[in-house]
């Protein structure tokens, strides 16, 4: 843990332009992890929906009907 503190101290002494670049790189590295998690969650959701259609627990509707329903719900 001490090495993280030492590294932080050194990094905070960098010029602000360098710190901004470093911050951007760090955020970018975290976004890749988040993107992977989001992809897995959506894949699970898609499989669950597929299975519901296959086993007959829900009836699919057309894309046009889905959009019409959504519009009715959000329009005053």
N, C-alpha and C. Protein backbone atom coordinates (compact mmCIF):
# COMPACT_ATOMS: atom_id res chain seq x y z
N UNK A 1 0.81 -1.19 0.00
CA UNK A 1 0.00 0.00 0.00
C UNK A 1 0.86 1.26 0.00
N UNK A 2 1.96 1.18 0.64
CA UNK A 2 2.87 2.33 0.71
C UNK A 2 3.33 2.73 -0.70
N UNK A 3 3.54 1.75 -1.57
CA UNK A 3 4.00 2.08 -2.93
C UNK A 3 2.93 2.86 -3.69
N UNK A 4 1.66 2.58 -3.44
CA UNK A 4 0.57 3.34 -4.07
C UNK A 4 0.61 4.78 -3.58
N UNK A 5 0.83 4.96 -2.30
CA UNK A 5 0.91 6.31 -1.74
C UNK A 5 2.09 7.07 -2.33
N UNK A 6 3.23 6.39 -2.45
CA UNK A 6 4.41 7.03 -3.02
C UNK A 6 4.17 7.39 -4.49
N UNK A 7 3.57 6.47 -5.22
CA UNK A 7 3.28 6.72 -6.62
C UNK A 7 2.31 7.89 -6.77
N UNK A 8 1.29 7.91 -5.93
CA UNK A 8 0.32 9.02 -5.97
C UNK A 8 1.00 10.35 -5.72
N UNK A 9 1.88 10.39 -4.74
CA UNK A 9 2.59 11.63 -4.43
C UNK A 9 3.41 12.10 -5.63
N UNK A 10 4.11 11.17 -6.29
CA UNK A 10 4.92 11.53 -7.46
C UNK A 10 4.03 12.01 -8.60
N UNK A 11 2.93 11.30 -8.82
CA UNK A 11 2.04 11.66 -9.93
C UNK A 11 1.38 13.02 -9.71
N UNK A 12 1.04 13.31 -8.48
CA UNK A 12 0.42 14.60 -8.19
C UNK A 12 1.40 15.77 -8.37
N UNK A 13 2.68 15.48 -8.39
CA UNK A 13 3.66 16.54 -8.60
C UNK A 13 3.91 16.81 -10.08
N UNK A 14 3.31 16.03 -10.95
CA UNK A 14 3.44 16.25 -12.40
C UNK A 14 2.70 17.52 -12.80
N UNK A 15 3.09 18.11 -13.93
CA UNK A 15 2.35 19.27 -14.44
C UNK A 15 0.90 18.87 -14.73
N UNK A 16 0.00 19.83 -14.65
CA UNK A 16 -1.42 19.51 -14.81
C UNK A 16 -1.75 18.88 -16.16
N UNK A 17 -1.06 19.25 -17.20
CA UNK A 17 -1.31 18.65 -18.52
C UNK A 17 -0.99 17.15 -18.49
N UNK A 18 0.10 16.79 -17.85
CA UNK A 18 0.49 15.39 -17.73
C UNK A 18 -0.50 14.62 -16.84
N UNK A 19 -0.96 15.25 -15.76
CA UNK A 19 -1.93 14.60 -14.88
C UNK A 19 -3.24 14.37 -15.61
N UNK A 20 -3.64 15.34 -16.43
CA UNK A 20 -4.89 15.20 -17.20
C UNK A 20 -4.78 14.04 -18.18
N UNK A 21 -3.64 13.93 -18.85
CA UNK A 21 -3.43 12.83 -19.78
C UNK A 21 -3.46 11.49 -19.04
N UNK A 22 -2.81 11.43 -17.90
CA UNK A 22 -2.80 10.22 -17.09
C UNK A 22 -4.21 9.87 -16.62
N UNK A 23 -4.96 10.87 -16.17
CA UNK A 23 -6.33 10.64 -15.72
C UNK A 23 -7.18 10.08 -16.85
N UNK A 24 -7.00 10.63 -18.05
CA UNK A 24 -7.74 10.15 -19.21
C UNK A 24 -7.42 8.69 -19.49
N UNK A 25 -6.15 8.34 -19.42
CA UNK A 25 -5.74 6.95 -19.66
C UNK A 25 -6.32 6.01 -18.60
N UNK A 26 -6.32 6.46 -17.34
CA UNK A 26 -6.86 5.63 -16.26
C UNK A 26 -8.36 5.41 -16.44
N UNK A 27 -9.09 6.47 -16.77
CA UNK A 27 -10.53 6.34 -16.99
C UNK A 27 -10.80 5.42 -18.17
N UNK A 28 -10.03 5.59 -19.22
CA UNK A 28 -10.18 4.74 -20.41
C UNK A 28 -9.99 3.27 -20.05
N UNK A 29 -9.02 2.98 -19.20
CA UNK A 29 -8.78 1.58 -18.81
C UNK A 29 -9.94 1.03 -18.00
N UNK A 30 -10.60 1.86 -17.22
CA UNK A 30 -11.76 1.42 -16.44
C UNK A 30 -12.98 1.24 -17.33
N UNK A 31 -13.12 2.08 -18.34
CA UNK A 31 -14.26 1.98 -19.24
C UNK A 31 -14.24 0.66 -19.99
N UNK A 32 -13.07 0.17 -20.34
CA UNK A 32 -13.01 -1.12 -21.02
C UNK A 32 -13.58 -2.21 -20.14
N UNK A 33 -13.27 -2.17 -18.86
CA UNK A 33 -13.82 -3.15 -17.93
C UNK A 33 -15.33 -2.99 -17.83
N UNK A 34 -15.80 -1.77 -17.74
CA UNK A 34 -17.23 -1.52 -17.64
C UNK A 34 -17.94 -1.98 -18.91
N UNK A 35 -17.34 -1.72 -20.07
CA UNK A 35 -17.93 -2.16 -21.33
C UNK A 35 -18.07 -3.67 -21.37
N UNK A 36 -17.08 -4.38 -20.88
CA UNK A 36 -17.14 -5.83 -20.87
C UNK A 36 -18.26 -6.32 -19.97
N UNK A 37 -18.40 -5.69 -18.81
CA UNK A 37 -19.47 -6.07 -17.88
C UNK A 37 -20.83 -5.79 -18.50
N UNK A 38 -20.96 -4.64 -19.13
CA UNK A 38 -22.23 -4.28 -19.77
C UNK A 38 -22.57 -5.28 -20.88
N UNK A 39 -21.59 -5.67 -21.67
CA UNK A 39 -21.82 -6.65 -22.73
C UNK A 39 -22.30 -7.98 -22.16
N UNK A 40 -21.71 -8.42 -21.08
CA UNK A 40 -22.11 -9.68 -20.46
C UNK A 40 -23.54 -9.58 -19.93
N UNK A 41 -23.87 -8.47 -19.27
CA UNK A 41 -25.21 -8.29 -18.73
C UNK A 41 -26.25 -8.30 -19.85
N UNK A 42 -25.97 -7.59 -20.96
CA UNK A 42 -26.90 -7.58 -22.07
C UNK A 42 -27.03 -8.95 -22.71
N UNK A 43 -25.95 -9.70 -22.78
CA UNK A 43 -26.00 -11.05 -23.33
C UNK A 43 -26.90 -11.94 -22.47
N UNK A 44 -26.77 -11.84 -21.17
CA UNK A 44 -27.62 -12.61 -20.25
C UNK A 44 -29.08 -12.22 -20.45
N UNK A 45 -29.34 -10.91 -20.52
CA UNK A 45 -30.72 -10.43 -20.72
C UNK A 45 -31.29 -10.93 -22.04
N UNK A 46 -30.50 -10.88 -23.10
CA UNK A 46 -30.96 -11.36 -24.41
C UNK A 46 -31.30 -12.84 -24.37
N UNK A 47 -30.47 -13.62 -23.71
CA UNK A 47 -30.75 -15.07 -23.60
C UNK A 47 -32.00 -15.34 -22.78
N UNK A 48 -32.19 -14.56 -21.70
CA UNK A 48 -33.41 -14.73 -20.90
C UNK A 48 -34.65 -14.42 -21.74
N UNK A 49 -34.60 -13.34 -22.49
CA UNK A 49 -35.74 -12.97 -23.34
C UNK A 49 -35.99 -14.01 -24.42
N UNK A 50 -34.91 -14.50 -25.03
CA UNK A 50 -35.04 -15.56 -26.03
C UNK A 50 -35.73 -16.78 -25.44
N UNK A 51 -35.29 -17.18 -24.26
CA UNK A 51 -35.86 -18.36 -23.60
C UNK A 51 -37.33 -18.15 -23.27
N UNK A 52 -37.71 -16.93 -22.87
CA UNK A 52 -39.11 -16.65 -22.58
C UNK A 52 -39.97 -16.77 -23.82
N UNK A 53 -39.46 -16.33 -24.96
CA UNK A 53 -40.19 -16.47 -26.21
C UNK A 53 -40.29 -17.95 -26.59
N UNK A 54 -39.19 -18.66 -26.47
CA UNK A 54 -39.17 -20.08 -26.85
C UNK A 54 -40.10 -20.93 -25.98
N UNK A 55 -40.15 -20.64 -24.67
CA UNK A 55 -40.99 -21.48 -23.81
C UNK A 55 -42.43 -20.98 -23.73
N UNK A 56 -42.73 -19.88 -24.45
CA UNK A 56 -44.10 -19.41 -24.54
C UNK A 56 -44.58 -18.58 -23.36
N UNK A 57 -43.69 -18.21 -22.46
CA UNK A 57 -44.12 -17.42 -21.30
C UNK A 57 -44.41 -15.97 -21.68
N UNK A 58 -43.90 -15.53 -22.82
CA UNK A 58 -44.26 -14.21 -23.36
C UNK A 58 -44.49 -14.34 -24.85
N UNK A 59 -45.25 -13.40 -25.38
CA UNK A 59 -45.50 -13.36 -26.81
C UNK A 59 -44.78 -12.15 -27.39
N UNK A 60 -43.95 -12.36 -28.39
CA UNK A 60 -43.24 -11.22 -28.98
C UNK A 60 -44.21 -10.33 -29.75
N UNK A 61 -43.83 -9.07 -29.89
CA UNK A 61 -44.59 -8.14 -30.73
C UNK A 61 -43.63 -7.54 -31.75
N UNK A 62 -44.20 -6.97 -32.78
CA UNK A 62 -43.36 -6.38 -33.83
C UNK A 62 -42.67 -5.13 -33.32
N UNK A 63 -41.61 -4.76 -34.01
CA UNK A 63 -40.89 -3.54 -33.65
C UNK A 63 -41.78 -2.31 -33.76
N UNK A 64 -42.62 -2.27 -34.79
CA UNK A 64 -43.54 -1.14 -34.96
C UNK A 64 -44.50 -1.03 -33.78
N UNK A 65 -45.05 -2.17 -33.34
CA UNK A 65 -45.96 -2.16 -32.19
C UNK A 65 -45.23 -1.73 -30.92
N UNK A 66 -44.00 -2.19 -30.75
CA UNK A 66 -43.23 -1.82 -29.56
C UNK A 66 -42.98 -0.32 -29.54
N UNK A 67 -42.61 0.25 -30.69
CA UNK A 67 -42.39 1.70 -30.76
C UNK A 67 -43.67 2.48 -30.50
N UNK A 68 -44.78 2.00 -31.04
CA UNK A 68 -46.06 2.68 -30.82
C UNK A 68 -46.43 2.67 -29.34
N UNK A 69 -46.23 1.54 -28.68
CA UNK A 69 -46.51 1.46 -27.24
C UNK A 69 -45.62 2.43 -26.46
N UNK A 70 -44.34 2.47 -26.82
CA UNK A 70 -43.41 3.36 -26.12
C UNK A 70 -43.81 4.81 -26.31
N UNK A 71 -44.18 5.16 -27.52
CA UNK A 71 -44.60 6.55 -27.79
C UNK A 71 -45.84 6.93 -26.99
N UNK A 72 -46.81 6.00 -26.92
CA UNK A 72 -48.02 6.29 -26.14
C UNK A 72 -47.70 6.51 -24.67
N UNK A 73 -46.71 5.81 -24.16
CA UNK A 73 -46.37 5.94 -22.74
C UNK A 73 -45.64 7.23 -22.42
N UNK A 74 -44.91 7.78 -23.39
CA UNK A 74 -44.12 8.98 -23.08
C UNK A 74 -44.79 10.26 -23.56
N UNK A 75 -45.77 10.16 -24.44
CA UNK A 75 -46.44 11.37 -24.92
C UNK A 75 -47.52 11.79 -23.94
N UNK A 76 -47.66 13.10 -23.73
CA UNK A 76 -48.70 13.58 -22.78
C UNK A 76 -50.10 13.39 -23.32
